[in-house]
Amino acid sequence: MQYRTLGKTSLKVSEVGIGTWQLADDPDCWVGTDLSESLKSLYKFVELGGNFVDTAWGYGYSESDGRHRSEELIGKFLLESNKRDQLIIASKVPPKNWTWPAFRGVPISEIFPPEWITKCVDDSLASLGLETIDLMQFHVWQDDFADNDDWKTTIQKITQAGKVKYWGISVNDYQPSNCLKTLDTGLISTIQFIFNIFH
């Protein structure tokens, strides 16, 4: 396994990471999920030198019971394996209006109001069983949000409280430049976009 520095962070991540939406017991999105096999895949990933684990508040989320199954699975793995110090854990704040992508003209107050950002970070910390998340990403974005100060103040407070080390953006699909003005704020350390052999 080879490693590189992730974005503008000081984190050294494996060039192959593991996405964990499909590992969650999420019958609405995936078929045939087996949680014991999911745990085995996490162990195998780490055994092969992987250290970057990407999840999200919404992966395996159930409105009926409020559980965040992907994050819970990772939390179980971290507890069982005692490998927290070896891993980089990334999660994501979903849009409050549950709309992907973020459409131009919809105000950030409907997508990422301060109290929603704070709640999602706290929920993720609880589900993962962590005190600090290495990287928290906005799960959609519009570059017009760069002009709003509420999200900036909110993430700075969360970072100062020690709950999140770095912030990133998972940009709208096929809109890799829809974040350039936001990068000028200096508050965003990583950008996640589609780079896929099938595309």
N, C-alpha and C. Protein backbone atom coordinates (compact mmCIF):
# COMPACT_ATOMS: atom_id res chain seq x y z
N MET A 1 0.85 -1.19 0.00
CA MET A 1 0.00 0.00 0.00
C MET A 1 0.89 1.25 0.00
N GLN A 2 0.50 2.22 -0.78
CA GLN A 2 1.20 3.49 -0.79
C GLN A 2 0.33 4.54 -0.10
N TYR A 3 0.99 5.59 0.40
CA TYR A 3 0.29 6.62 1.18
C TYR A 3 0.64 8.00 0.64
N ARG A 4 -0.28 8.93 0.87
CA ARG A 4 -0.03 10.32 0.47
C ARG A 4 -0.75 11.26 1.42
N THR A 5 -0.33 12.52 1.42
CA THR A 5 -1.00 13.51 2.25
C THR A 5 -2.35 13.85 1.64
N LEU A 6 -3.37 13.87 2.48
CA LEU A 6 -4.73 14.13 2.01
C LEU A 6 -4.99 15.63 1.95
N GLY A 7 -5.15 16.14 0.73
CA GLY A 7 -5.50 17.54 0.54
C GLY A 7 -4.57 18.48 1.28
N LYS A 8 -5.17 19.44 1.99
CA LYS A 8 -4.39 20.41 2.76
C LYS A 8 -4.28 20.03 4.24
N THR A 9 -4.54 18.75 4.53
CA THR A 9 -4.42 18.28 5.91
C THR A 9 -2.99 17.78 6.14
N SER A 10 -2.75 17.33 7.35
CA SER A 10 -1.48 16.67 7.65
C SER A 10 -1.67 15.17 7.74
N LEU A 11 -2.82 14.69 7.26
CA LEU A 11 -3.15 13.27 7.36
C LEU A 11 -2.51 12.47 6.24
N LYS A 12 -1.84 11.38 6.59
CA LYS A 12 -1.26 10.46 5.60
C LYS A 12 -2.25 9.32 5.40
N VAL A 13 -2.82 9.26 4.20
CA VAL A 13 -3.85 8.25 3.95
C VAL A 13 -3.38 7.26 2.89
N SER A 14 -3.93 6.05 2.97
CA SER A 14 -3.65 5.04 1.96
C SER A 14 -4.27 5.49 0.63
N GLU A 15 -3.56 5.22 -0.46
CA GLU A 15 -4.08 5.63 -1.77
C GLU A 15 -5.36 4.90 -2.13
N VAL A 16 -5.59 3.75 -1.51
CA VAL A 16 -6.86 3.05 -1.64
C VAL A 16 -7.59 3.17 -0.31
N GLY A 17 -8.75 3.81 -0.34
CA GLY A 17 -9.57 3.92 0.86
C GLY A 17 -10.73 2.95 0.76
N ILE A 18 -11.56 2.93 1.78
CA ILE A 18 -12.75 2.08 1.73
C ILE A 18 -13.99 2.94 1.99
N GLY A 19 -14.91 2.89 1.05
CA GLY A 19 -16.21 3.53 1.23
C GLY A 19 -17.13 2.54 1.93
N THR A 20 -18.00 3.03 2.80
CA THR A 20 -18.71 2.10 3.68
C THR A 20 -20.24 2.18 3.61
N TRP A 21 -20.77 2.85 2.60
CA TRP A 21 -22.24 2.86 2.48
C TRP A 21 -22.75 1.44 2.27
N GLN A 22 -22.08 0.70 1.38
CA GLN A 22 -22.52 -0.64 1.05
C GLN A 22 -22.33 -1.63 2.20
N LEU A 23 -21.56 -1.27 3.22
CA LEU A 23 -21.34 -2.17 4.35
C LEU A 23 -22.48 -2.10 5.36
N ALA A 24 -23.27 -1.04 5.29
CA ALA A 24 -24.36 -0.87 6.25
C ALA A 24 -25.53 -1.77 5.89
N ASP A 25 -26.29 -2.13 6.89
CA ASP A 25 -27.49 -2.94 6.68
C ASP A 25 -28.61 -1.99 6.24
N ASP A 26 -28.59 -1.64 4.96
CA ASP A 26 -29.50 -0.63 4.42
C ASP A 26 -30.34 -1.25 3.30
N PRO A 27 -31.47 -1.87 3.64
CA PRO A 27 -32.27 -2.59 2.65
C PRO A 27 -32.85 -1.69 1.56
N ASP A 28 -32.93 -0.38 1.82
CA ASP A 28 -33.47 0.52 0.81
C ASP A 28 -32.48 0.78 -0.32
N CYS A 29 -31.19 0.51 -0.07
CA CYS A 29 -30.17 0.87 -1.05
C CYS A 29 -29.32 -0.30 -1.52
N TRP A 30 -29.16 -1.33 -0.70
CA TRP A 30 -28.27 -2.43 -1.03
C TRP A 30 -28.97 -3.75 -0.77
N VAL A 31 -28.60 -4.77 -1.52
CA VAL A 31 -29.21 -6.08 -1.38
C VAL A 31 -28.17 -7.07 -0.89
N GLY A 32 -28.54 -7.90 0.07
CA GLY A 32 -27.67 -8.98 0.50
C GLY A 32 -26.58 -8.59 1.47
N THR A 33 -26.75 -7.47 2.16
CA THR A 33 -25.73 -7.06 3.13
C THR A 33 -25.67 -8.04 4.29
N ASP A 34 -24.46 -8.42 4.65
CA ASP A 34 -24.23 -9.31 5.79
C ASP A 34 -23.24 -8.59 6.71
N LEU A 35 -23.70 -8.22 7.89
CA LEU A 35 -22.87 -7.41 8.77
C LEU A 35 -21.59 -8.11 9.20
N SER A 36 -21.63 -9.43 9.36
CA SER A 36 -20.40 -10.15 9.73
C SER A 36 -19.39 -10.09 8.58
N GLU A 37 -19.88 -10.18 7.35
CA GLU A 37 -18.99 -10.05 6.19
C GLU A 37 -18.47 -8.62 6.07
N SER A 38 -19.31 -7.67 6.40
CA SER A 38 -18.88 -6.27 6.38
C SER A 38 -17.73 -6.03 7.35
N LEU A 39 -17.86 -6.59 8.54
CA LEU A 39 -16.79 -6.45 9.53
C LEU A 39 -15.51 -7.12 9.03
N LYS A 40 -15.65 -8.30 8.42
CA LYS A 40 -14.48 -9.00 7.88
C LYS A 40 -13.78 -8.16 6.82
N SER A 41 -14.58 -7.46 6.01
CA SER A 41 -13.97 -6.64 4.95
C SER A 41 -13.18 -5.48 5.55
N LEU A 42 -13.64 -4.92 6.65
CA LEU A 42 -12.89 -3.85 7.32
C LEU A 42 -11.56 -4.39 7.87
N TYR A 43 -11.63 -5.57 8.50
CA TYR A 43 -10.40 -6.18 9.01
C TYR A 43 -9.41 -6.46 7.88
N LYS A 44 -9.91 -6.97 6.76
CA LYS A 44 -9.04 -7.29 5.62
C LYS A 44 -8.42 -6.02 5.04
N PHE A 45 -9.22 -4.98 4.93
CA PHE A 45 -8.74 -3.70 4.42
C PHE A 45 -7.56 -3.18 5.25
N VAL A 46 -7.70 -3.22 6.56
CA VAL A 46 -6.64 -2.74 7.44
C VAL A 46 -5.43 -3.68 7.38
N GLU A 47 -5.69 -4.97 7.31
CA GLU A 47 -4.60 -5.96 7.20
C GLU A 47 -3.74 -5.69 5.96
N LEU A 48 -4.37 -5.23 4.87
CA LEU A 48 -3.66 -4.97 3.62
C LEU A 48 -3.02 -3.58 3.59
N GLY A 49 -3.13 -2.84 4.68
CA GLY A 49 -2.47 -1.54 4.77
C GLY A 49 -3.37 -0.34 4.58
N GLY A 50 -4.66 -0.57 4.38
CA GLY A 50 -5.59 0.55 4.23
C GLY A 50 -5.80 1.26 5.55
N ASN A 51 -5.92 2.59 5.49
CA ASN A 51 -6.16 3.32 6.74
C ASN A 51 -7.19 4.44 6.60
N PHE A 52 -7.75 4.62 5.39
CA PHE A 52 -8.72 5.71 5.17
C PHE A 52 -10.12 5.12 5.03
N VAL A 53 -10.96 5.41 6.02
CA VAL A 53 -12.32 4.87 6.07
C VAL A 53 -13.30 6.02 5.88
N ASP A 54 -14.10 5.95 4.83
CA ASP A 54 -15.04 7.02 4.47
C ASP A 54 -16.47 6.57 4.72
N THR A 55 -17.19 7.32 5.53
CA THR A 55 -18.58 6.99 5.81
C THR A 55 -19.40 8.28 5.74
N ALA A 56 -20.64 8.23 6.21
CA ALA A 56 -21.51 9.41 6.21
C ALA A 56 -22.64 9.21 7.21
N TRP A 57 -23.10 10.32 7.75
CA TRP A 57 -24.25 10.32 8.68
C TRP A 57 -25.43 9.59 8.05
N GLY A 58 -25.60 9.75 6.73
CA GLY A 58 -26.77 9.19 6.05
C GLY A 58 -26.62 7.77 5.55
N TYR A 59 -25.43 7.18 5.62
CA TYR A 59 -25.23 5.82 5.13
C TYR A 59 -25.89 4.83 6.08
N GLY A 60 -26.95 4.21 5.62
CA GLY A 60 -27.67 3.27 6.47
C GLY A 60 -28.53 3.94 7.51
N TYR A 61 -28.82 5.24 7.34
CA TYR A 61 -29.66 5.95 8.31
C TYR A 61 -31.10 5.47 8.21
N SER A 62 -31.71 5.28 9.35
CA SER A 62 -33.11 4.87 9.41
C SER A 62 -33.90 5.93 10.18
N GLU A 63 -34.86 6.52 9.51
CA GLU A 63 -35.67 7.55 10.16
C GLU A 63 -36.52 6.95 11.27
N SER A 64 -36.88 5.68 11.13
CA SER A 64 -37.77 5.05 12.11
C SER A 64 -37.09 4.86 13.47
N ASP A 65 -35.80 4.55 13.46
CA ASP A 65 -35.13 4.34 14.74
C ASP A 65 -33.96 5.30 14.99
N GLY A 66 -33.68 6.18 14.02
CA GLY A 66 -32.64 7.18 14.20
C GLY A 66 -31.23 6.64 14.19
N ARG A 67 -31.06 5.41 13.75
CA ARG A 67 -29.73 4.81 13.75
C ARG A 67 -28.95 5.17 12.48
N HIS A 68 -27.63 5.16 12.64
CA HIS A 68 -26.71 5.45 11.54
C HIS A 68 -25.83 4.21 11.37
N ARG A 69 -26.32 3.25 10.57
CA ARG A 69 -25.76 1.90 10.60
C ARG A 69 -24.32 1.78 10.11
N SER A 70 -23.96 2.56 9.12
CA SER A 70 -22.57 2.50 8.65
C SER A 70 -21.62 3.00 9.74
N GLU A 71 -21.93 4.14 10.31
CA GLU A 71 -21.08 4.68 11.38
C GLU A 71 -21.04 3.74 12.58
N GLU A 72 -22.18 3.14 12.90
CA GLU A 72 -22.22 2.20 14.03
C GLU A 72 -21.33 0.99 13.77
N LEU A 73 -21.34 0.49 12.53
CA LEU A 73 -20.51 -0.65 12.16
C LEU A 73 -19.03 -0.31 12.31
N ILE A 74 -18.66 0.88 11.86
CA ILE A 74 -17.27 1.33 12.00
C ILE A 74 -16.91 1.48 13.48
N GLY A 75 -17.82 2.03 14.26
CA GLY A 75 -17.60 2.16 15.70
C GLY A 75 -17.38 0.80 16.35
N LYS A 76 -18.16 -0.18 15.95
CA LYS A 76 -17.99 -1.56 16.46
C LYS A 76 -16.62 -2.10 16.08
N PHE A 77 -16.23 -1.87 14.84
CA PHE A 77 -14.92 -2.31 14.37
C PHE A 77 -13.79 -1.65 15.16
N LEU A 78 -13.90 -0.35 15.36
CA LEU A 78 -12.85 0.37 16.10
C LEU A 78 -12.72 -0.15 17.53
N LEU A 79 -13.88 -0.45 18.14
CA LEU A 79 -13.87 -0.94 19.51
C LEU A 79 -13.26 -2.34 19.59
N GLU A 80 -13.67 -3.22 18.66
CA GLU A 80 -13.18 -4.60 18.65
C GLU A 80 -11.70 -4.69 18.30
N SER A 81 -11.29 -3.92 17.31
CA SER A 81 -9.95 -4.07 16.74
C SER A 81 -8.88 -3.28 17.49
N ASN A 82 -9.31 -2.26 18.23
CA ASN A 82 -8.37 -1.37 18.94
C ASN A 82 -7.38 -0.74 17.96
N LYS A 83 -7.88 -0.33 16.79
CA LYS A 83 -7.00 0.23 15.76
C LYS A 83 -7.29 1.71 15.47
N ARG A 84 -7.96 2.38 16.39
CA ARG A 84 -8.32 3.78 16.14
C ARG A 84 -7.10 4.63 15.78
N ASP A 85 -5.99 4.43 16.46
CA ASP A 85 -4.82 5.26 16.23
C ASP A 85 -4.19 5.05 14.86
N GLN A 86 -4.52 3.94 14.20
CA GLN A 86 -3.96 3.65 12.88
C GLN A 86 -4.82 4.17 11.73
N LEU A 87 -6.04 4.61 12.03
CA LEU A 87 -7.00 4.90 10.97
C LEU A 87 -7.38 6.37 10.89
N ILE A 88 -7.71 6.78 9.68
CA ILE A 88 -8.26 8.10 9.41
C ILE A 88 -9.75 7.91 9.11
N ILE A 89 -10.60 8.52 9.93
CA ILE A 89 -12.04 8.35 9.79
C ILE A 89 -12.65 9.64 9.22
N ALA A 90 -13.36 9.48 8.11
CA ALA A 90 -14.05 10.61 7.47
C ALA A 90 -15.54 10.33 7.45
N SER A 91 -16.34 11.35 7.74
CA SER A 91 -17.79 11.23 7.62
C SER A 91 -18.33 12.46 6.89
N LYS A 92 -19.67 12.55 6.80
CA LYS A 92 -20.28 13.63 6.03
C LYS A 92 -21.56 14.11 6.70
N VAL A 93 -21.79 15.42 6.57
CA VAL A 93 -23.04 16.03 7.02
C VAL A 93 -24.00 16.05 5.82
N PRO A 94 -25.16 15.41 5.93
CA PRO A 94 -26.10 15.40 4.80
C PRO A 94 -26.84 16.73 4.70
N PRO A 95 -27.39 17.03 3.53
CA PRO A 95 -28.23 18.22 3.44
C PRO A 95 -29.51 18.03 4.26
N LYS A 96 -29.89 19.04 5.01
CA LYS A 96 -31.08 18.91 5.86
C LYS A 96 -32.34 18.66 5.04
N ASN A 97 -32.38 19.19 3.81
CA ASN A 97 -33.56 18.99 2.98
C ASN A 97 -33.53 17.66 2.21
N TRP A 98 -32.50 16.85 2.46
CA TRP A 98 -32.36 15.52 1.84
C TRP A 98 -32.44 15.58 0.32
N THR A 99 -31.84 16.59 -0.26
CA THR A 99 -31.86 16.74 -1.72
C THR A 99 -30.44 16.71 -2.25
N TRP A 100 -30.20 15.76 -3.15
CA TRP A 100 -28.91 15.65 -3.85
C TRP A 100 -29.17 15.86 -5.34
N PRO A 101 -28.44 16.73 -6.02
CA PRO A 101 -27.41 17.62 -5.50
C PRO A 101 -28.04 18.85 -4.86
N ALA A 102 -27.20 19.76 -4.38
CA ALA A 102 -27.67 21.05 -3.88
C ALA A 102 -27.95 21.93 -5.10
N PHE A 103 -29.19 22.36 -5.23
CA PHE A 103 -29.57 23.14 -6.41
C PHE A 103 -29.27 24.62 -6.22
N ARG A 104 -28.84 25.23 -7.28
CA ARG A 104 -28.56 26.65 -7.27
C ARG A 104 -29.84 27.42 -6.92
N GLY A 105 -29.70 28.42 -6.06
CA GLY A 105 -30.85 29.23 -5.67
C GLY A 105 -31.50 28.80 -4.37
N VAL A 106 -31.21 27.56 -3.93
CA VAL A 106 -31.76 27.11 -2.63
C VAL A 106 -30.81 27.62 -1.55
N PRO A 107 -31.30 28.40 -0.59
CA PRO A 107 -30.39 29.00 0.41
C PRO A 107 -29.75 27.95 1.31
N ILE A 108 -28.56 28.26 1.77
CA ILE A 108 -27.84 27.34 2.65
C ILE A 108 -28.60 27.12 3.95
N SER A 109 -29.45 28.07 4.33
CA SER A 109 -30.24 27.92 5.56
C SER A 109 -31.18 26.72 5.49
N GLU A 110 -31.54 26.27 4.28
CA GLU A 110 -32.39 25.09 4.11
C GLU A 110 -31.57 23.81 4.01
N ILE A 111 -30.29 23.95 3.79
CA ILE A 111 -29.44 22.78 3.54
C ILE A 111 -28.49 22.50 4.69
N PHE A 112 -27.77 23.53 5.13
CA PHE A 112 -26.81 23.38 6.22
C PHE A 112 -26.95 24.50 7.26
N PRO A 113 -28.11 24.58 7.94
CA PRO A 113 -28.21 25.56 9.03
C PRO A 113 -27.27 25.17 10.16
N PRO A 114 -26.79 26.13 10.95
CA PRO A 114 -25.81 25.84 11.99
C PRO A 114 -26.19 24.71 12.94
N GLU A 115 -27.45 24.72 13.39
CA GLU A 115 -27.86 23.70 14.36
C GLU A 115 -27.85 22.30 13.75
N TRP A 116 -28.09 22.22 12.44
CA TRP A 116 -28.07 20.92 11.75
C TRP A 116 -26.63 20.39 11.63
N ILE A 117 -25.71 21.26 11.28
CA ILE A 117 -24.30 20.86 11.19
C ILE A 117 -23.84 20.32 12.54
N THR A 118 -24.16 21.07 13.61
CA THR A 118 -23.75 20.67 14.96
C THR A 118 -24.36 19.34 15.36
N LYS A 119 -25.66 19.18 15.08
CA LYS A 119 -26.35 17.93 15.42
C LYS A 119 -25.73 16.74 14.70
N CYS A 120 -25.46 16.90 13.41
CA CYS A 120 -24.92 15.78 12.64
C CYS A 120 -23.52 15.38 13.12
N VAL A 121 -22.71 16.37 13.47
CA VAL A 121 -21.39 16.05 14.01
C VAL A 121 -21.53 15.29 15.32
N ASP A 122 -22.39 15.76 16.21
CA ASP A 122 -22.58 15.09 17.49
C ASP A 122 -23.14 13.67 17.31
N ASP A 123 -24.10 13.52 16.40
CA ASP A 123 -24.64 12.18 16.11
C ASP A 123 -23.55 11.24 15.60
N SER A 124 -22.72 11.76 14.68
CA SER A 124 -21.66 10.92 14.11
C SER A 124 -20.64 10.52 15.16
N LEU A 125 -20.28 11.45 16.02
CA LEU A 125 -19.35 11.12 17.10
C LEU A 125 -19.91 10.00 17.98
N ALA A 126 -21.19 10.09 18.30
CA ALA A 126 -21.83 9.08 19.14
C ALA A 126 -21.88 7.73 18.43
N SER A 127 -22.27 7.73 17.15
CA SER A 127 -22.39 6.47 16.41
C SER A 127 -21.03 5.80 16.21
N LEU A 128 -20.01 6.61 15.99
CA LEU A 128 -18.67 6.08 15.77
C LEU A 128 -17.96 5.75 17.08
N GLY A 129 -18.46 6.28 18.19
CA GLY A 129 -17.81 6.08 19.48
C GLY A 129 -16.50 6.83 19.60
N LEU A 130 -16.45 8.01 18.97
CA LEU A 130 -15.22 8.80 18.95
C LEU A 130 -15.38 10.13 19.67
N GLU A 131 -14.26 10.70 20.04
CA GLU A 131 -14.26 12.06 20.58
C GLU A 131 -13.93 13.07 19.49
N THR A 132 -13.24 12.61 18.44
CA THR A 132 -12.84 13.48 17.34
C THR A 132 -12.96 12.75 16.02
N ILE A 133 -13.51 13.43 15.02
CA ILE A 133 -13.56 12.90 13.65
C ILE A 133 -12.44 13.58 12.86
N ASP A 134 -11.67 12.79 12.14
CA ASP A 134 -10.52 13.34 11.42
C ASP A 134 -10.94 14.30 10.31
N LEU A 135 -11.97 13.92 9.56
CA LEU A 135 -12.44 14.74 8.44
C LEU A 135 -13.95 14.68 8.37
N MET A 136 -14.60 15.85 8.40
CA MET A 136 -16.05 15.93 8.23
C MET A 136 -16.30 16.71 6.96
N GLN A 137 -17.15 16.13 6.10
CA GLN A 137 -17.39 16.73 4.78
C GLN A 137 -18.86 17.12 4.62
N PHE A 138 -19.08 18.19 3.90
CA PHE A 138 -20.44 18.55 3.50
C PHE A 138 -20.81 17.66 2.32
N HIS A 139 -21.97 17.00 2.40
CA HIS A 139 -22.31 15.94 1.45
C HIS A 139 -22.84 16.45 0.11
N VAL A 140 -23.10 17.73 0.01
CA VAL A 140 -23.43 18.42 -1.25
C VAL A 140 -22.87 19.83 -1.12
N TRP A 141 -22.89 20.58 -2.21
CA TRP A 141 -22.39 21.96 -2.08
C TRP A 141 -22.82 22.80 -3.26
N GLN A 142 -22.92 24.12 -3.00
CA GLN A 142 -23.04 25.15 -4.02
C GLN A 142 -22.02 26.22 -3.67
N ASP A 143 -21.26 26.67 -4.64
CA ASP A 143 -20.19 27.62 -4.35
C ASP A 143 -20.71 28.96 -3.84
N ASP A 144 -21.98 29.26 -4.10
CA ASP A 144 -22.58 30.49 -3.56
C ASP A 144 -22.57 30.50 -2.03
N PHE A 145 -22.50 29.31 -1.42
CA PHE A 145 -22.49 29.22 0.04
C PHE A 145 -21.26 29.91 0.63
N ALA A 146 -20.25 30.13 -0.18
CA ALA A 146 -19.01 30.75 0.31
C ALA A 146 -19.28 32.13 0.90
N ASP A 147 -20.34 32.78 0.45
CA ASP A 147 -20.64 34.14 0.92
C ASP A 147 -21.36 34.17 2.27
N ASN A 148 -21.79 33.01 2.74
CA ASN A 148 -22.54 32.94 4.00
C ASN A 148 -21.57 32.73 5.17
N ASP A 149 -21.75 33.47 6.24
CA ASP A 149 -20.83 33.36 7.38
C ASP A 149 -21.26 32.34 8.43
N ASP A 150 -22.54 31.93 8.42
CA ASP A 150 -23.04 31.04 9.47
C ASP A 150 -22.30 29.71 9.50
N TRP A 151 -22.13 29.08 8.35
CA TRP A 151 -21.46 27.77 8.32
C TRP A 151 -19.99 27.92 8.72
N LYS A 152 -19.39 29.05 8.34
CA LYS A 152 -17.98 29.26 8.68
C LYS A 152 -17.80 29.35 10.19
N THR A 153 -18.64 30.16 10.83
CA THR A 153 -18.57 30.30 12.29
C THR A 153 -18.82 28.96 12.98
N THR A 154 -19.80 28.22 12.47
CA THR A 154 -20.18 26.94 13.07
C THR A 154 -19.05 25.94 13.02
N ILE A 155 -18.43 25.77 11.86
CA ILE A 155 -17.39 24.74 11.77
C ILE A 155 -16.13 25.15 12.55
N GLN A 156 -15.89 26.46 12.63
CA GLN A 156 -14.75 26.91 13.44
C GLN A 156 -14.97 26.60 14.92
N LYS A 157 -16.20 26.79 15.40
CA LYS A 157 -16.52 26.47 16.79
C LYS A 157 -16.37 24.97 17.05
N ILE A 158 -16.86 24.17 16.11
CA ILE A 158 -16.77 22.71 16.27
C ILE A 158 -15.32 22.26 16.28
N THR A 159 -14.51 22.85 15.42
CA THR A 159 -13.09 22.50 15.37
C THR A 159 -12.40 22.92 16.66
N GLN A 160 -12.69 24.12 17.12
CA GLN A 160 -12.08 24.61 18.37
C GLN A 160 -12.48 23.75 19.57
N ALA A 161 -13.66 23.14 19.50
CA ALA A 161 -14.11 22.25 20.58
C ALA A 161 -13.44 20.88 20.51
N GLY A 162 -12.66 20.64 19.45
CA GLY A 162 -11.94 19.38 19.31
C GLY A 162 -12.75 18.24 18.74
N LYS A 163 -13.92 18.55 18.18
CA LYS A 163 -14.79 17.49 17.67
C LYS A 163 -14.42 17.06 16.24
N VAL A 164 -13.86 17.98 15.46
CA VAL A 164 -13.46 17.69 14.08
C VAL A 164 -12.10 18.32 13.83
N LYS A 165 -11.22 17.54 13.18
CA LYS A 165 -9.89 18.08 12.87
C LYS A 165 -9.89 18.92 11.59
N TYR A 166 -10.50 18.39 10.54
CA TYR A 166 -10.49 19.06 9.23
C TYR A 166 -11.87 18.96 8.60
N TRP A 167 -12.13 19.92 7.68
CA TRP A 167 -13.41 19.96 6.96
C TRP A 167 -13.20 19.82 5.47
N GLY A 168 -14.15 19.15 4.83
CA GLY A 168 -14.07 18.96 3.39
C GLY A 168 -15.43 19.10 2.73
N ILE A 169 -15.43 19.00 1.42
CA ILE A 169 -16.67 19.06 0.64
C ILE A 169 -16.72 17.85 -0.29
N SER A 170 -17.83 17.14 -0.27
CA SER A 170 -18.14 16.13 -1.27
C SER A 170 -19.02 16.85 -2.29
N VAL A 171 -18.42 17.27 -3.39
CA VAL A 171 -19.12 18.18 -4.31
C VAL A 171 -20.24 17.47 -5.05
N ASN A 172 -21.16 18.26 -5.60
CA ASN A 172 -22.23 17.70 -6.42
C ASN A 172 -21.63 16.85 -7.54
N ASP A 173 -22.25 15.73 -7.83
CA ASP A 173 -21.76 14.85 -8.89
C ASP A 173 -21.55 15.61 -10.19
N TYR A 174 -20.39 15.39 -10.79
CA TYR A 174 -20.03 15.95 -12.10
C TYR A 174 -19.96 17.47 -12.10
N GLN A 175 -19.73 18.06 -10.90
CA GLN A 175 -19.54 19.51 -10.80
C GLN A 175 -18.27 19.80 -10.00
N PRO A 176 -17.12 19.31 -10.46
CA PRO A 176 -15.89 19.41 -9.66
C PRO A 176 -15.41 20.83 -9.38
N SER A 177 -15.86 21.80 -10.18
CA SER A 177 -15.41 23.18 -9.94
C SER A 177 -16.38 23.99 -9.08
N ASN A 178 -17.45 23.34 -8.62
CA ASN A 178 -18.49 24.04 -7.86
C ASN A 178 -18.09 24.17 -6.38
N CYS A 179 -16.86 24.64 -6.17
CA CYS A 179 -16.33 24.78 -4.80
C CYS A 179 -15.14 25.73 -4.78
N LEU A 180 -14.75 26.28 -5.93
CA LEU A 180 -13.50 27.02 -6.01
C LEU A 180 -13.50 28.29 -5.15
N LYS A 181 -14.61 29.01 -5.15
CA LYS A 181 -14.71 30.22 -4.32
C LYS A 181 -14.66 29.85 -2.84
N THR A 182 -15.27 28.72 -2.50
CA THR A 182 -15.27 28.26 -1.11
C THR A 182 -13.86 27.92 -0.64
N LEU A 183 -13.05 27.38 -1.53
CA LEU A 183 -11.67 27.04 -1.16
C LEU A 183 -10.89 28.29 -0.74
N ASP A 184 -11.27 29.43 -1.30
CA ASP A 184 -10.58 30.68 -0.95
C ASP A 184 -10.83 31.10 0.50
N THR A 185 -11.83 30.50 1.17
CA THR A 185 -12.09 30.84 2.57
C THR A 185 -10.99 30.29 3.48
N GLY A 186 -10.26 29.28 3.01
CA GLY A 186 -9.22 28.66 3.82
C GLY A 186 -9.74 27.70 4.87
N LEU A 187 -11.04 27.45 4.88
CA LEU A 187 -11.64 26.58 5.89
C LEU A 187 -11.82 25.14 5.42
N ILE A 188 -11.66 24.92 4.14
CA ILE A 188 -11.88 23.60 3.55
C ILE A 188 -10.54 22.98 3.16
N SER A 189 -10.31 21.77 3.63
CA SER A 189 -9.01 21.12 3.41
C SER A 189 -9.02 20.04 2.34
N THR A 190 -10.21 19.50 2.02
CA THR A 190 -10.29 18.43 1.02
C THR A 190 -11.52 18.61 0.15
N ILE A 191 -11.42 18.09 -1.06
CA ILE A 191 -12.56 18.02 -1.98
C ILE A 191 -12.69 16.57 -2.45
N GLN A 192 -13.90 16.04 -2.36
CA GLN A 192 -14.18 14.69 -2.85
C GLN A 192 -15.07 14.81 -4.08
N PHE A 193 -14.62 14.22 -5.18
CA PHE A 193 -15.44 14.23 -6.39
C PHE A 193 -15.27 12.91 -7.12
N ILE A 194 -16.12 12.67 -8.11
CA ILE A 194 -16.10 11.40 -8.82
C ILE A 194 -14.86 11.29 -9.69
N PHE A 195 -14.09 10.24 -9.44
CA PHE A 195 -12.94 9.89 -10.29
C PHE A 195 -13.01 8.38 -10.40
N ASN A 196 -13.70 7.91 -11.40
CA ASN A 196 -14.14 6.53 -11.42
C ASN A 196 -13.84 5.91 -12.78
N ILE A 197 -13.26 4.75 -12.80
CA ILE A 197 -12.89 4.10 -14.05
C ILE A 197 -14.09 3.90 -14.98
N PHE A 198 -15.28 3.74 -14.40
CA PHE A 198 -16.48 3.53 -15.20
C PHE A 198 -16.97 4.82 -15.86
N HIS A 199 -16.48 5.96 -15.37
CA HIS A 199 -16.87 7.25 -15.93
C HIS A 199 -15.80 7.84 -16.79
